Amino acid sequence: MSGSPIIQNGRLVGAVTHVLVDDPKCGFAVFADRMYEQCESLPGAMAKAG
């Protein structure tokens, strides 16, 4: 389920990045604001966005 969105109160707040096979209740995610910050730092990212 890598990349599955995390929705809270009808808003995107992040995405699941990894789920541990040995313990499916445990894993890692990335917050949406962190994804946005990383996107802004990519060369030409804002030009592609519009």
C-alpha atoms as a PDB file:
ATOM      1  CA  MET A   1       0.000   0.000   0.000  1.00  0.00           C
ATOM      2  CA  SER A   2       2.931   2.317  -0.524  1.00  0.00           C
ATOM      3  CA  GLY A   3       1.791   5.819  -1.390  1.00  0.00           C
ATOM      4  CA  SER A   4      -1.681   5.396   0.091  1.00  0.00           C
ATOM      5  CA  PRO A   5      -3.108   8.760   1.162  1.00  0.00           C
ATOM      6  CA  ILE A   6      -3.764   9.612   4.800  1.00  0.00           C
ATOM      7  CA  ILE A   7      -6.962  11.657   5.118  1.00  0.00           C
ATOM      8  CA  GLN A   8      -8.012  13.441   8.329  1.00  0.00           C
ATOM      9  CA  ASN A   9     -11.136  15.605   8.582  1.00  0.00           C
ATOM     10  CA  GLY A  10     -11.538  15.408   4.798  1.00  0.00           C
ATOM     11  CA  ARG A  11      -8.039  16.755   4.100  1.00  0.00           C
ATOM     12  CA  LEU A  12      -4.875  15.146   2.771  1.00  0.00           C
ATOM     13  CA  VAL A  13      -2.309  15.141   5.571  1.00  0.00           C
ATOM     14  CA  GLY A  14       0.250  12.668   4.240  1.00  0.00           C
ATOM     15  CA  ALA A  15       0.910   9.330   2.596  1.00  0.00           C
ATOM     16  CA  VAL A  16       1.924   5.876   3.813  1.00  0.00           C
ATOM     17  CA  THR A  17       5.402   5.094   2.507  1.00  0.00           C
ATOM     18  CA  HIS A  18       6.210   1.727   4.116  1.00  0.00           C
ATOM     19  CA  VAL A  19       4.358  -0.941   6.092  1.00  0.00           C
ATOM     20  CA  LEU A  20       6.374  -3.536   7.982  1.00  0.00           C
ATOM     21  CA  VAL A  21       5.581  -7.108   6.904  1.00  0.00           C
ATOM     22  CA  ASP A  22       6.197  -8.536  10.377  1.00  0.00           C
ATOM     23  CA  ASP A  23       3.838  -5.986  11.973  1.00  0.00           C
ATOM     24  CA  PRO A  24       1.268  -4.489   9.565  1.00  0.00           C
ATOM     25  CA  LYS A  25       0.139  -2.015  12.256  1.00  0.00           C
ATOM     26  CA  CYS A  26       3.590  -0.422  12.178  1.00  0.00           C
ATOM     27  CA  GLY A  27       5.226   1.520   9.374  1.00  0.00           C
ATOM     28  CA  PHE A  28       6.301   4.897   8.082  1.00  0.00           C
ATOM     29  CA  ALA A  29       4.550   7.855   6.494  1.00  0.00           C
ATOM     30  CA  VAL A  30       5.416  11.303   5.229  1.00  0.00           C
ATOM     31  CA  PHE A  31       3.421  14.446   6.013  1.00  0.00           C
ATOM     32  CA  ALA A  32       1.916  16.394   3.106  1.00  0.00           C
ATOM     33  CA  ASP A  33       3.692  19.624   4.101  1.00  0.00           C
ATOM     34  CA  ARG A  34       7.033  17.803   3.944  1.00  0.00           C
ATOM     35  CA  MET A  35       6.188  16.475   0.459  1.00  0.00           C
ATOM     36  CA  TYR A  36       5.332  20.029  -0.638  1.00  0.00           C
ATOM     37  CA  GLU A  37       8.590  21.429   0.776  1.00  0.00           C
ATOM     38  CA  GLN A  38      10.591  18.774  -1.075  1.00  0.00           C
ATOM     39  CA  CYS A  39       8.690  19.453  -4.302  1.00  0.00           C
ATOM     40  CA  GLU A  40       9.495  23.184  -4.083  1.00  0.00           C
ATOM     41  CA  SER A  41      13.220  22.385  -3.851  1.00  0.00           C
ATOM     42  CA  LEU A  42      13.263  20.430  -7.135  1.00  0.00           C
ATOM     43  CA  PRO A  43      14.642  22.324 -10.156  1.00  0.00           C
ATOM     44  CA  GLY A  44      11.769  23.462 -12.385  1.00  0.00           C
ATOM     45  CA  ALA A  45       9.103  22.012 -10.085  1.00  0.00           C
ATOM     46  CA  MET A  46       7.088  25.209  -9.762  1.00  0.00           C
ATOM     47  CA  ALA A  47       7.227  25.869 -13.522  1.00  0.00           C
ATOM     48  CA  LYS A  48       5.691  22.426 -14.143  1.00  0.00           C
ATOM     49  CA  ALA A  49       2.991  22.994 -11.516  1.00  0.00           C
ATOM     50  CA  GLY A  50       1.527  25.909 -13.387  1.00  0.00           C
END
